[in-house]
Amino acid sequence: MDDNIDAAESLSEFLKAVGHDVHVANDGLSAIDKAEKLRPDIVILDIGMPAMDGYQVAQYLRTKGGLTSSLLIAVTGYAQEQDRISAQKAGFDHHFAKPLDFRKLTEILASHCNRQ
């Protein structure tokens, strides 16, 4: 989920190229709707979003959306230590500052996929 359509599409294309099935949402409510229907193994969320931010989406997915075992990854411009702490409290498993380190993301995704 990213409200920046170009960023969302770029990440989507990268993830597809490395073998992942990808669904894109550009706002919080759409992300929640898709996640509840699709029950993804991994959810990648931007934090700075209008109306409903990534923290709120993550909290919802963890508490009401039933995605307790899904891997939640924040990819955001919010890169201070307090932002990382807030992401962890919201239910994120990982926090990446933009620009995204694709190599590290790929390692985390591979590690998660190999455990299942």
PDB file of N, CA and C in Angstrom:
ATOM      1  N   MET A   1       0.845  -1.166   0.000  1.00  0.00           N
ATOM      2  CA  MET A   1       0.000   0.000   0.000  1.00  0.00           C
ATOM      3  C   MET A   1       0.886   1.223   0.000  1.00  0.00           C
ATOM      4  N   ASP A   2       0.624   2.075  -0.971  1.00  0.00           N
ATOM      5  CA  ASP A   2       1.310   3.361  -1.023  1.00  0.00           C
ATOM      6  C   ASP A   2       0.420   4.310  -1.802  1.00  0.00           C
ATOM      7  N   ASP A   3       0.254   5.520  -1.293  1.00  0.00           N
ATOM      8  CA  ASP A   3      -0.565   6.500  -2.000  1.00  0.00           C
ATOM      9  C   ASP A   3       0.169   7.101  -3.188  1.00  0.00           C
ATOM     10  N   ASN A   4       1.487   6.917  -3.233  1.00  0.00           N
ATOM     11  CA  ASN A   4       2.262   7.328  -4.391  1.00  0.00           C
ATOM     12  C   ASN A   4       2.151   6.190  -5.417  1.00  0.00           C
ATOM     13  N   ILE A   5       1.332   6.417  -6.424  1.00  0.00           N
ATOM     14  CA  ILE A   5       1.031   5.359  -7.395  1.00  0.00           C
ATOM     15  C   ILE A   5       2.288   4.865  -8.101  1.00  0.00           C
ATOM     16  N   ASP A   6       3.189   5.768  -8.463  1.00  0.00           N
ATOM     17  CA  ASP A   6       4.423   5.355  -9.129  1.00  0.00           C
ATOM     18  C   ASP A   6       5.271   4.463  -8.216  1.00  0.00           C
ATOM     19  N   ALA A   7       5.390   4.836  -6.936  1.00  0.00           N
ATOM     20  CA  ALA A   7       6.168   4.033  -5.991  1.00  0.00           C
ATOM     21  C   ALA A   7       5.527   2.661  -5.804  1.00  0.00           C
ATOM     22  N   ALA A   8       4.205   2.630  -5.680  1.00  0.00           N
ATOM     23  CA  ALA A   8       3.500   1.359  -5.506  1.00  0.00           C
ATOM     24  C   ALA A   8       3.695   0.461  -6.719  1.00  0.00           C
ATOM     25  N   GLU A   9       3.581   1.024  -7.904  1.00  0.00           N
ATOM     26  CA  GLU A   9       3.744   0.225  -9.125  1.00  0.00           C
ATOM     27  C   GLU A   9       5.180  -0.252  -9.301  1.00  0.00           C
ATOM     28  N   SER A  10       6.154   0.598  -8.967  1.00  0.00           N
ATOM     29  CA  SER A  10       7.560   0.197  -9.085  1.00  0.00           C
ATOM     30  C   SER A  10       7.876  -0.970  -8.160  1.00  0.00           C
ATOM     31  N   LEU A  11       7.433  -0.869  -6.916  1.00  0.00           N
ATOM     32  CA  LEU A  11       7.667  -1.959  -5.970  1.00  0.00           C
ATOM     33  C   LEU A  11       6.918  -3.214  -6.416  1.00  0.00           C
ATOM     34  N   SER A  12       5.710  -3.036  -6.905  1.00  0.00           N
ATOM     35  CA  SER A  12       4.924  -4.164  -7.406  1.00  0.00           C
ATOM     36  C   SER A  12       5.649  -4.887  -8.537  1.00  0.00           C
ATOM     37  N   GLU A  13       6.161  -4.149  -9.484  1.00  0.00           N
ATOM     38  CA  GLU A  13       6.878  -4.754 -10.616  1.00  0.00           C
ATOM     39  C   GLU A  13       8.126  -5.490 -10.147  1.00  0.00           C
ATOM     40  N   PHE A  14       8.851  -4.894  -9.197  1.00  0.00           N
ATOM     41  CA  PHE A  14      10.037  -5.558  -8.652  1.00  0.00           C
ATOM     42  C   PHE A  14       9.649  -6.882  -7.998  1.00  0.00           C
ATOM     43  N   LEU A  15       8.626  -6.849  -7.145  1.00  0.00           N
ATOM     44  CA  LEU A  15       8.209  -8.062  -6.429  1.00  0.00           C
ATOM     45  C   LEU A  15       7.713  -9.143  -7.383  1.00  0.00           C
ATOM     46  N   LYS A  16       7.001  -8.747  -8.420  1.00  0.00           N
ATOM     47  CA  LYS A  16       6.566  -9.714  -9.435  1.00  0.00           C
ATOM     48  C   LYS A  16       7.769 -10.325 -10.140  1.00  0.00           C
ATOM     49  N   ALA A  17       8.760  -9.501 -10.435  1.00  0.00           N
ATOM     50  CA  ALA A  17       9.953  -9.974 -11.150  1.00  0.00           C
ATOM     51  C   ALA A  17      10.734 -11.001 -10.346  1.00  0.00           C
ATOM     52  N   VAL A  18      10.651 -10.923  -9.014  1.00  0.00           N
ATOM     53  CA  VAL A  18      11.360 -11.900  -8.185  1.00  0.00           C
ATOM     54  C   VAL A  18      10.441 -13.021  -7.711  1.00  0.00           C
ATOM     55  N   GLY A  19       9.252 -13.132  -8.334  1.00  0.00           N
ATOM     56  CA  GLY A  19       8.420 -14.302  -8.146  1.00  0.00           C
ATOM     57  C   GLY A  19       7.258 -14.214  -7.172  1.00  0.00           C
ATOM     58  N   HIS A  20       6.886 -13.017  -6.756  1.00  0.00           N
ATOM     59  CA  HIS A  20       5.787 -12.885  -5.798  1.00  0.00           C
ATOM     60  C   HIS A  20       4.482 -12.521  -6.498  1.00  0.00           C
ATOM     61  N   ASP A  21       3.384 -12.987  -5.945  1.00  0.00           N
ATOM     62  CA  ASP A  21       2.046 -12.606  -6.380  1.00  0.00           C
ATOM     63  C   ASP A  21       1.726 -11.306  -5.644  1.00  0.00           C
ATOM     64  N   VAL A  22       1.380 -10.261  -6.377  1.00  0.00           N
ATOM     65  CA  VAL A  22       1.265  -8.928  -5.782  1.00  0.00           C
ATOM     66  C   VAL A  22      -0.098  -8.313  -6.058  1.00  0.00           C
ATOM     67  N   HIS A  23      -0.636  -7.655  -5.034  1.00  0.00           N
ATOM     68  CA  HIS A  23      -1.867  -6.871  -5.153  1.00  0.00           C
ATOM     69  C   HIS A  23      -1.566  -5.501  -4.574  1.00  0.00           C
ATOM     70  N   VAL A  24      -1.987  -4.448  -5.258  1.00  0.00           N
ATOM     71  CA  VAL A  24      -1.657  -3.080  -4.858  1.00  0.00           C
ATOM     72  C   VAL A  24      -2.903  -2.360  -4.367  1.00  0.00           C
ATOM     73  N   ALA A  25      -2.723  -1.572  -3.309  1.00  0.00           N
ATOM     74  CA  ALA A  25      -3.764  -0.670  -2.807  1.00  0.00           C
ATOM     75  C   ALA A  25      -3.115   0.699  -2.629  1.00  0.00           C
ATOM     76  N   ASN A  26      -3.900   1.736  -2.845  1.00  0.00           N
ATOM     77  CA  ASN A  26      -3.356   3.088  -2.742  1.00  0.00           C
ATOM     78  C   ASN A  26      -3.941   3.896  -1.589  1.00  0.00           C
ATOM     79  N   ASP A  27      -4.697   3.228  -0.714  1.00  0.00           N
ATOM     80  CA  ASP A  27      -5.192   3.894   0.490  1.00  0.00           C
ATOM     81  C   ASP A  27      -5.467   2.835   1.551  1.00  0.00           C
ATOM     82  N   GLY A  28      -5.617   3.287   2.778  1.00  0.00           N
ATOM     83  CA  GLY A  28      -5.767   2.381   3.907  1.00  0.00           C
ATOM     84  C   GLY A  28      -6.975   1.469   3.843  1.00  0.00           C
ATOM     85  N   LEU A  29      -8.132   2.023   3.517  1.00  0.00           N
ATOM     86  CA  LEU A  29      -9.346   1.199   3.480  1.00  0.00           C
ATOM     87  C   LEU A  29      -9.270   0.133   2.398  1.00  0.00           C
ATOM     88  N   SER A  30      -8.722   0.481   1.247  1.00  0.00           N
ATOM     89  CA  SER A  30      -8.562  -0.511   0.175  1.00  0.00           C
ATOM     90  C   SER A  30      -7.576  -1.597   0.588  1.00  0.00           C
ATOM     91  N   ALA A  31      -6.513  -1.197   1.288  1.00  0.00           N
ATOM     92  CA  ALA A  31      -5.526  -2.176   1.750  1.00  0.00           C
ATOM     93  C   ALA A  31      -6.153  -3.156   2.735  1.00  0.00           C
ATOM     94  N   ILE A  32      -6.947  -2.633   3.657  1.00  0.00           N
ATOM     95  CA  ILE A  32      -7.621  -3.502   4.626  1.00  0.00           C
ATOM     96  C   ILE A  32      -8.583  -4.447   3.918  1.00  0.00           C
ATOM     97  N   ASP A  33      -9.364  -3.910   3.003  1.00  0.00           N
ATOM     98  CA  ASP A  33     -10.327  -4.732   2.267  1.00  0.00           C
ATOM     99  C   ASP A  33      -9.631  -5.869   1.528  1.00  0.00           C
ATOM    100  N   LYS A  34      -8.559  -5.545   0.809  1.00  0.00           N
ATOM    101  CA  LYS A  34      -7.829  -6.581   0.058  1.00  0.00           C
ATOM    102  C   LYS A  34      -7.185  -7.591   0.998  1.00  0.00           C
ATOM    103  N   ALA A  35      -6.592  -7.095   2.086  1.00  0.00           N
ATOM    104  CA  ALA A  35      -5.913  -8.001   3.017  1.00  0.00           C
ATOM    105  C   ALA A  35      -6.893  -8.961   3.677  1.00  0.00           C
ATOM    106  N   GLU A  36      -8.073  -8.482   4.029  1.00  0.00           N
ATOM    107  CA  GLU A  36      -9.055  -9.361   4.660  1.00  0.00           C
ATOM    108  C   GLU A  36      -9.567 -10.413   3.680  1.00  0.00           C
ATOM    109  N   LYS A  37      -9.677 -10.049   2.414  1.00  0.00           N
ATOM    110  CA  LYS A  37     -10.155 -11.009   1.410  1.00  0.00           C
ATOM    111  C   LYS A  37      -9.068 -11.981   0.978  1.00  0.00           C
ATOM    112  N   LEU A  38      -7.855 -11.483   0.784  1.00  0.00           N
ATOM    113  CA  LEU A  38      -6.777 -12.297   0.216  1.00  0.00           C
ATOM    114  C   LEU A  38      -5.940 -13.045   1.259  1.00  0.00           C
ATOM    115  N   ARG A  39      -5.953 -12.569   2.509  1.00  0.00           N
ATOM    116  CA  ARG A  39      -5.177 -13.193   3.584  1.00  0.00           C
ATOM    117  C   ARG A  39      -3.712 -13.383   3.185  1.00  0.00           C
ATOM    118  N   PRO A  40      -3.012 -12.312   2.841  1.00  0.00           N
ATOM    119  CA  PRO A  40      -1.640 -12.427   2.344  1.00  0.00           C
ATOM    120  C   PRO A  40      -0.646 -12.876   3.413  1.00  0.00           C
ATOM    121  N   ASP A  41       0.415 -13.498   2.962  1.00  0.00           N
ATOM    122  CA  ASP A  41       1.507 -13.878   3.854  1.00  0.00           C
ATOM    123  C   ASP A  41       2.320 -12.664   4.257  1.00  0.00           C
ATOM    124  N   ILE A  42       2.390 -11.684   3.349  1.00  0.00           N
ATOM    125  CA  ILE A  42       3.215 -10.490   3.557  1.00  0.00           C
ATOM    126  C   ILE A  42       2.424  -9.263   3.137  1.00  0.00           C
ATOM    127  N   VAL A  43       2.514  -8.201   3.950  1.00  0.00           N
ATOM    128  CA  VAL A  43       1.882  -6.926   3.629  1.00  0.00           C
ATOM    129  C   VAL A  43       2.951  -5.848   3.759  1.00  0.00           C
ATOM    130  N   ILE A  44       3.113  -5.063   2.697  1.00  0.00           N
ATOM    131  CA  ILE A  44       4.071  -3.968   2.700  1.00  0.00           C
ATOM    132  C   ILE A  44       3.269  -2.667   2.661  1.00  0.00           C
ATOM    133  N   LEU A  45       3.491  -1.821   3.673  1.00  0.00           N
ATOM    134  CA  LEU A  45       2.707  -0.601   3.835  1.00  0.00           C
ATOM    135  C   LEU A  45       3.579   0.637   3.938  1.00  0.00           C
ATOM    136  N   ASP A  46       3.178   1.694   3.256  1.00  0.00           N
ATOM    137  CA  ASP A  46       3.724   3.022   3.509  1.00  0.00           C
ATOM    138  C   ASP A  46       3.072   3.505   4.795  1.00  0.00           C
ATOM    139  N   ILE A  47       3.742   4.345   5.547  1.00  0.00           N
ATOM    140  CA  ILE A  47       3.145   4.861   6.772  1.00  0.00           C
ATOM    141  C   ILE A  47       2.443   6.187   6.529  1.00  0.00           C
ATOM    142  N   GLY A  48       3.096   7.105   5.817  1.00  0.00           N
ATOM    143  CA  GLY A  48       2.528   8.434   5.609  1.00  0.00           C
ATOM    144  C   GLY A  48       1.458   8.435   4.539  1.00  0.00           C
ATOM    145  N   MET A  49       0.223   8.254   4.968  1.00  0.00           N
ATOM    146  CA  MET A  49      -0.904   8.166   4.041  1.00  0.00           C
ATOM    147  C   MET A  49      -1.994   9.126   4.491  1.00  0.00           C
ATOM    148  N   PRO A  50      -2.760   9.670   3.550  1.00  0.00           N
ATOM    149  CA  PRO A  50      -3.893  10.509   3.955  1.00  0.00           C
ATOM    150  C   PRO A  50      -5.021   9.657   4.526  1.00  0.00           C
ATOM    151  N   ALA A  51      -5.823  10.242   5.343  1.00  0.00           N
ATOM    152  CA  ALA A  51      -7.023   9.632   5.948  1.00  0.00           C
ATOM    153  C   ALA A  51      -6.666   8.532   6.945  1.00  0.00           C
ATOM    154  N   MET A  52      -6.079   7.450   6.499  1.00  0.00           N
ATOM    155  CA  MET A  52      -5.722   6.328   7.376  1.00  0.00           C
ATOM    156  C   MET A  52      -4.268   5.966   7.110  1.00  0.00           C
ATOM    157  N   ASP A  53      -3.402   6.198   8.104  1.00  0.00           N
ATOM    158  CA  ASP A  53      -1.977   5.961   7.868  1.00  0.00           C
ATOM    159  C   ASP A  53      -1.618   4.483   8.048  1.00  0.00           C
ATOM    160  N   GLY A  54      -0.383   4.168   7.708  1.00  0.00           N
ATOM    161  CA  GLY A  54       0.080   2.781   7.783  1.00  0.00           C
ATOM    162  C   GLY A  54       0.060   2.210   9.184  1.00  0.00           C
ATOM    163  N   TYR A  55       0.293   3.050  10.204  1.00  0.00           N
ATOM    164  CA  TYR A  55       0.205   2.578  11.587  1.00  0.00           C
ATOM    165  C   TYR A  55      -1.210   2.072  11.875  1.00  0.00           C
ATOM    166  N   GLN A  56      -2.203   2.854  11.471  1.00  0.00           N
ATOM    167  CA  GLN A  56      -3.597   2.476  11.711  1.00  0.00           C
ATOM    168  C   GLN A  56      -3.972   1.199  10.946  1.00  0.00           C
ATOM    169  N   VAL A  57      -3.494   1.093   9.726  1.00  0.00           N
ATOM    170  CA  VAL A  57      -3.776  -0.106   8.931  1.00  0.00           C
ATOM    171  C   VAL A  57      -3.146  -1.331   9.599  1.00  0.00           C
ATOM    172  N   ALA A  58      -1.886  -1.204  10.003  1.00  0.00           N
ATOM    173  CA  ALA A  58      -1.197  -2.322  10.653  1.00  0.00           C
ATOM    174  C   ALA A  58      -1.919  -2.735  11.933  1.00  0.00           C
ATOM    175  N   GLN A  59      -2.296  -1.759  12.753  1.00  0.00           N
ATOM    176  CA  GLN A  59      -3.007  -2.076  13.997  1.00  0.00           C
ATOM    177  C   GLN A  59      -4.318  -2.801  13.700  1.00  0.00           C
ATOM    178  N   TYR A  60      -5.039  -2.326  12.705  1.00  0.00           N
ATOM    179  CA  TYR A  60      -6.300  -2.969  12.338  1.00  0.00           C
ATOM    180  C   TYR A  60      -6.059  -4.399  11.868  1.00  0.00           C
ATOM    181  N   LEU A  61      -5.096  -4.575  10.973  1.00  0.00           N
ATOM    182  CA  LEU A  61      -4.828  -5.914  10.444  1.00  0.00           C
ATOM    183  C   LEU A  61      -4.439  -6.886  11.550  1.00  0.00           C
ATOM    184  N   ARG A  62      -3.676  -6.416  12.513  1.00  0.00           N
ATOM    185  CA  ARG A  62      -3.232  -7.277  13.618  1.00  0.00           C
ATOM    186  C   ARG A  62      -4.357  -7.585  14.605  1.00  0.00           C
ATOM    187  N   THR A  63      -5.214  -6.597  14.893  1.00  0.00           N
ATOM    188  CA  THR A  63      -6.206  -6.782  15.957  1.00  0.00           C
ATOM    189  C   THR A  63      -7.579  -7.209  15.454  1.00  0.00           C
ATOM    190  N   LYS A  64      -8.042  -6.611  14.373  1.00  0.00           N
ATOM    191  CA  LYS A  64      -9.398  -6.895  13.898  1.00  0.00           C
ATOM    192  C   LYS A  64      -9.409  -7.638  12.571  1.00  0.00           C
ATOM    193  N   GLY A  65      -8.328  -7.526  11.812  1.00  0.00           N
ATOM    194  CA  GLY A  65      -8.285  -8.133  10.491  1.00  0.00           C
ATOM    195  C   GLY A  65      -7.861  -9.582  10.486  1.00  0.00           C
ATOM    196  N   GLY A  66      -7.384 -10.069  11.622  1.00  0.00           N
ATOM    197  CA  GLY A  66      -7.018 -11.472  11.728  1.00  0.00           C
ATOM    198  C   GLY A  66      -5.699 -11.839  11.081  1.00  0.00           C
ATOM    199  N   LEU A  67      -4.880 -10.874  10.732  1.00  0.00           N
ATOM    200  CA  LEU A  67      -3.596 -11.179  10.096  1.00  0.00           C
ATOM    201  C   LEU A  67      -2.486 -11.232  11.152  1.00  0.00           C
ATOM    202  N   THR A  68      -2.656 -12.100  12.110  1.00  0.00           N
ATOM    203  CA  THR A  68      -1.688 -12.186  13.201  1.00  0.00           C
ATOM    204  C   THR A  68      -0.375 -12.841  12.769  1.00  0.00           C
ATOM    205  N   SER A  69      -0.422 -13.689  11.760  1.00  0.00           N
ATOM    206  CA  SER A  69       0.809 -14.366  11.335  1.00  0.00           C
ATOM    207  C   SER A  69       1.397 -13.800  10.045  1.00  0.00           C
ATOM    208  N   SER A  70       0.729 -12.842   9.439  1.00  0.00           N
ATOM    209  CA  SER A  70       1.279 -12.213   8.236  1.00  0.00           C
ATOM    210  C   SER A  70       2.482 -11.352   8.607  1.00  0.00           C
ATOM    211  N   LEU A  71       3.439 -11.286   7.719  1.00  0.00           N
ATOM    212  CA  LEU A  71       4.603 -10.435   7.904  1.00  0.00           C
ATOM    213  C   LEU A  71       4.215  -9.028   7.471  1.00  0.00           C
ATOM    214  N   LEU A  72       4.318  -8.050   8.378  1.00  0.00           N
ATOM    215  CA  LEU A  72       4.010  -6.665   8.050  1.00  0.00           C
ATOM    216  C   LEU A  72       5.308  -5.876   7.954  1.00  0.00           C
ATOM    217  N   ILE A  73       5.475  -5.202   6.818  1.00  0.00           N
ATOM    218  CA  ILE A  73       6.699  -4.449   6.545  1.00  0.00           C
ATOM    219  C   ILE A  73       6.334  -3.006   6.243  1.00  0.00           C
ATOM    220  N   ALA A  74       6.942  -2.082   6.983  1.00  0.00           N
ATOM    221  CA  ALA A  74       6.774  -0.656   6.717  1.00  0.00           C
ATOM    222  C   ALA A  74       7.870  -0.213   5.753  1.00  0.00           C
ATOM    223  N   VAL A  75       7.469   0.501   4.711  1.00  0.00           N
ATOM    224  CA  VAL A  75       8.410   1.130   3.781  1.00  0.00           C
ATOM    225  C   VAL A  75       8.004   2.596   3.753  1.00  0.00           C
ATOM    226  N   THR A  76       8.833   3.456   4.330  1.00  0.00           N
ATOM    227  CA  THR A  76       8.387   4.809   4.627  1.00  0.00           C
ATOM    228  C   THR A  76       9.499   5.839   4.618  1.00  0.00           C
ATOM    229  N   GLY A  77       9.094   7.069   4.480  1.00  0.00           N
ATOM    230  CA  GLY A  77      10.017   8.187   4.619  1.00  0.00           C
ATOM    231  C   GLY A  77      10.239   8.537   6.082  1.00  0.00           C
ATOM    232  N   TYR A  78       9.448   7.960   6.972  1.00  0.00           N
ATOM    233  CA  TYR A  78       9.587   8.196   8.410  1.00  0.00           C
ATOM    234  C   TYR A  78      10.703   7.300   8.927  1.00  0.00           C
ATOM    235  N   ALA A  79      11.885   7.887   9.140  1.00  0.00           N
ATOM    236  CA  ALA A  79      13.064   7.068   9.393  1.00  0.00           C
ATOM    237  C   ALA A  79      13.762   7.343  10.723  1.00  0.00           C
ATOM    238  N   GLN A  80      13.137   8.090  11.600  1.00  0.00           N
ATOM    239  CA  GLN A  80      13.742   8.354  12.903  1.00  0.00           C
ATOM    240  C   GLN A  80      13.548   7.147  13.820  1.00  0.00           C
ATOM    241  N   GLU A  81      14.327   7.088  14.880  1.00  0.00           N
ATOM    242  CA  GLU A  81      14.216   5.974  15.824  1.00  0.00           C
ATOM    243  C   GLU A  81      12.799   5.885  16.400  1.00  0.00           C
ATOM    244  N   GLN A  82      12.190   7.030  16.706  1.00  0.00           N
ATOM    245  CA  GLN A  82      10.823   7.021  17.237  1.00  0.00           C
ATOM    246  C   GLN A  82       9.841   6.426  16.222  1.00  0.00           C
ATOM    247  N   ASP A  83      10.096   6.655  14.932  1.00  0.00           N
ATOM    248  CA  ASP A  83       9.243   6.070  13.889  1.00  0.00           C
ATOM    249  C   ASP A  83       9.350   4.548  13.888  1.00  0.00           C
ATOM    250  N   ARG A  84      10.550   4.047  14.087  1.00  0.00           N
ATOM    251  CA  ARG A  84      10.751   2.593  14.156  1.00  0.00           C
ATOM    252  C   ARG A  84      10.024   1.999  15.371  1.00  0.00           C
ATOM    253  N   ILE A  85      10.100   2.702  16.483  1.00  0.00           N
ATOM    254  CA  ILE A  85       9.421   2.255  17.698  1.00  0.00           C
ATOM    255  C   ILE A  85       7.910   2.266  17.485  1.00  0.00           C
ATOM    256  N   SER A  86       7.400   3.333  16.887  1.00  0.00           N
ATOM    257  CA  SER A  86       5.960   3.433  16.611  1.00  0.00           C
ATOM    258  C   SER A  86       5.511   2.319  15.669  1.00  0.00           C
ATOM    259  N   ALA A  87       6.338   2.003  14.681  1.00  0.00           N
ATOM    260  CA  ALA A  87       6.004   0.921  13.747  1.00  0.00           C
ATOM    261  C   ALA A  87       5.932  -0.416  14.474  1.00  0.00           C
ATOM    262  N   GLN A  88       6.883  -0.656  15.350  1.00  0.00           N
ATOM    263  CA  GLN A  88       6.878  -1.910  16.111  1.00  0.00           C
ATOM    264  C   GLN A  88       5.637  -1.986  16.990  1.00  0.00           C
ATOM    265  N   LYS A  89       5.283  -0.897  17.656  1.00  0.00           N
ATOM    266  CA  LYS A  89       4.094  -0.879  18.511  1.00  0.00           C
ATOM    267  C   LYS A  89       2.812  -1.095  17.709  1.00  0.00           C
ATOM    268  N   ALA A  90       2.798  -0.635  16.458  1.00  0.00           N
ATOM    269  CA  ALA A  90       1.615  -0.795  15.602  1.00  0.00           C
ATOM    270  C   ALA A  90       1.474  -2.217  15.075  1.00  0.00           C
ATOM    271  N   GLY A  91       2.536  -3.014  15.179  1.00  0.00           N
ATOM    272  CA  GLY A  91       2.456  -4.402  14.739  1.00  0.00           C
ATOM    273  C   GLY A  91       3.342  -4.753  13.562  1.00  0.00           C
ATOM    274  N   PHE A  92       4.164  -3.809  13.103  1.00  0.00           N
ATOM    275  CA  PHE A  92       5.075  -4.115  12.000  1.00  0.00           C
ATOM    276  C   PHE A  92       6.195  -5.031  12.475  1.00  0.00           C
ATOM    277  N   ASP A  93       6.603  -5.934  11.587  1.00  0.00           N
ATOM    278  CA  ASP A  93       7.730  -6.823  11.863  1.00  0.00           C
ATOM    279  C   ASP A  93       9.049  -6.204  11.431  1.00  0.00           C
ATOM    280  N   HIS A  94       8.994  -5.382  10.382  1.00  0.00           N
ATOM    281  CA  HIS A  94      10.198  -4.742   9.839  1.00  0.00           C
ATOM    282  C   HIS A  94       9.870  -3.316   9.441  1.00  0.00           C
ATOM    283  N   HIS A  95      10.897  -2.471   9.465  1.00  0.00           N
ATOM    284  CA  HIS A  95      10.749  -1.053   9.129  1.00  0.00           C
ATOM    285  C   HIS A  95      11.880  -0.686   8.170  1.00  0.00           C
ATOM    286  N   PHE A  96      11.532  -0.258   6.968  1.00  0.00           N
ATOM    287  CA  PHE A  96      12.502   0.187   5.967  1.00  0.00           C
ATOM    288  C   PHE A  96      12.294   1.668   5.682  1.00  0.00           C
ATOM    289  N   ALA A  97      13.379   2.407   5.701  1.00  0.00           N
ATOM    290  CA  ALA A  97      13.314   3.808   5.300  1.00  0.00           C
ATOM    291  C   ALA A  97      13.474   3.897   3.785  1.00  0.00           C
ATOM    292  N   LYS A  98      12.758   4.838   3.187  1.00  0.00           N
ATOM    293  CA  LYS A  98      12.947   5.105   1.757  1.00  0.00           C
ATOM    294  C   LYS A  98      14.202   5.936   1.596  1.00  0.00           C
ATOM    295  N   PRO A  99      14.999   5.739   0.557  1.00  0.00           N
ATOM    296  CA  PRO A  99      14.790   4.783  -0.522  1.00  0.00           C
ATOM    297  C   PRO A  99      15.023   3.351  -0.038  1.00  0.00           C
ATOM    298  N   LEU A 100      14.226   2.474  -0.566  1.00  0.00           N
ATOM    299  CA  LEU A 100      14.192   1.081  -0.150  1.00  0.00           C
ATOM    300  C   LEU A 100      15.462   0.335  -0.542  1.00  0.00           C
ATOM    301  N   ASP A 101      15.982  -0.444   0.397  1.00  0.00           N
ATOM    302  CA  ASP A 101      17.108  -1.339   0.140  1.00  0.00           C
ATOM    303  C   ASP A 101      16.511  -2.648  -0.390  1.00  0.00           C
ATOM    304  N   PHE A 102      16.455  -2.787  -1.714  1.00  0.00           N
ATOM    305  CA  PHE A 102      15.810  -3.945  -2.338  1.00  0.00           C
ATOM    306  C   PHE A 102      16.510  -5.253  -1.983  1.00  0.00           C
ATOM    307  N   ARG A 103      17.817  -5.221  -1.828  1.00  0.00           N
ATOM    308  CA  ARG A 103      18.551  -6.440  -1.475  1.00  0.00           C
ATOM    309  C   ARG A 103      18.110  -6.941  -0.105  1.00  0.00           C
ATOM    310  N   LYS A 104      18.047  -6.052   0.863  1.00  0.00           N
ATOM    311  CA  LYS A 104      17.649  -6.448   2.211  1.00  0.00           C
ATOM    312  C   LYS A 104      16.183  -6.897   2.240  1.00  0.00           C
ATOM    313  N   LEU A 105      15.317  -6.186   1.509  1.00  0.00           N
ATOM    314  CA  LEU A 105      13.917  -6.603   1.432  1.00  0.00           C
ATOM    315  C   LEU A 105      13.816  -8.007   0.853  1.00  0.00           C
ATOM    316  N   THR A 106      14.549  -8.280  -0.215  1.00  0.00           N
ATOM    317  CA  THR A 106      14.533  -9.590  -0.848  1.00  0.00           C
ATOM    318  C   THR A 106      14.974 -10.677   0.131  1.00  0.00           C
ATOM    319  N   GLU A 107      15.987 -10.390   0.934  1.00  0.00           N
ATOM    320  CA  GLU A 107      16.461 -11.360   1.932  1.00  0.00           C
ATOM    321  C   GLU A 107      15.380 -11.671   2.963  1.00  0.00           C
ATOM    322  N   ILE A 108      14.692 -10.636   3.432  1.00  0.00           N
ATOM    323  CA  ILE A 108      13.642 -10.832   4.435  1.00  0.00           C
ATOM    324  C   ILE A 108      12.478 -11.619   3.838  1.00  0.00           C
ATOM    325  N   LEU A 109      12.089 -11.274   2.628  1.00  0.00           N
ATOM    326  CA  LEU A 109      10.990 -11.993   1.976  1.00  0.00           C
ATOM    327  C   LEU A 109      11.351 -13.462   1.769  1.00  0.00           C
ATOM    328  N   ALA A 110      12.562 -13.715   1.317  1.00  0.00           N
ATOM    329  CA  ALA A 110      12.997 -15.093   1.084  1.00  0.00           C
ATOM    330  C   ALA A 110      13.028 -15.874   2.398  1.00  0.00           C
ATOM    331  N   SER A 111      13.515 -15.253   3.450  1.00  0.00           N
ATOM    332  CA  SER A 111      13.573 -15.904   4.746  1.00  0.00           C
ATOM    333  C   SER A 111      12.169 -16.254   5.233  1.00  0.00           C
ATOM    334  N   HIS A 112      11.229 -15.335   5.084  1.00  0.00           N
ATOM    335  CA  HIS A 112       9.842 -15.569   5.524  1.00  0.00           C
ATOM    336  C   HIS A 112       9.197 -16.670   4.679  1.00  0.00           C
ATOM    337  N   CYS A 113       9.405 -16.621   3.375  1.00  0.00           N
ATOM    338  CA  CYS A 113       8.786 -17.606   2.486  1.00  0.00           C
ATOM    339  C   CYS A 113       9.360 -19.000   2.703  1.00  0.00           C
ATOM    340  N   ASN A 114      10.629 -19.083   3.063  1.00  0.00           N
ATOM    341  CA  ASN A 114      11.256 -20.382   3.308  1.00  0.00           C
ATOM    342  C   ASN A 114      10.798 -21.028   4.604  1.00  0.00           C
ATOM    343  N   ARG A 115      10.285 -20.227   5.549  1.00  0.00           N
ATOM    344  CA  ARG A 115       9.805 -20.762   6.822  1.00  0.00           C
ATOM    345  C   ARG A 115       8.425 -21.389   6.691  1.00  0.00           C
ATOM    346  N   GLN A 116       7.720 -21.096   5.641  1.00  0.00           N
ATOM    347  CA  GLN A 116       6.329 -21.567   5.533  1.00  0.00           C
ATOM    348  C   GLN A 116       6.239 -22.901   4.854  1.00  0.00           C
TER     349      GLN A 116
END
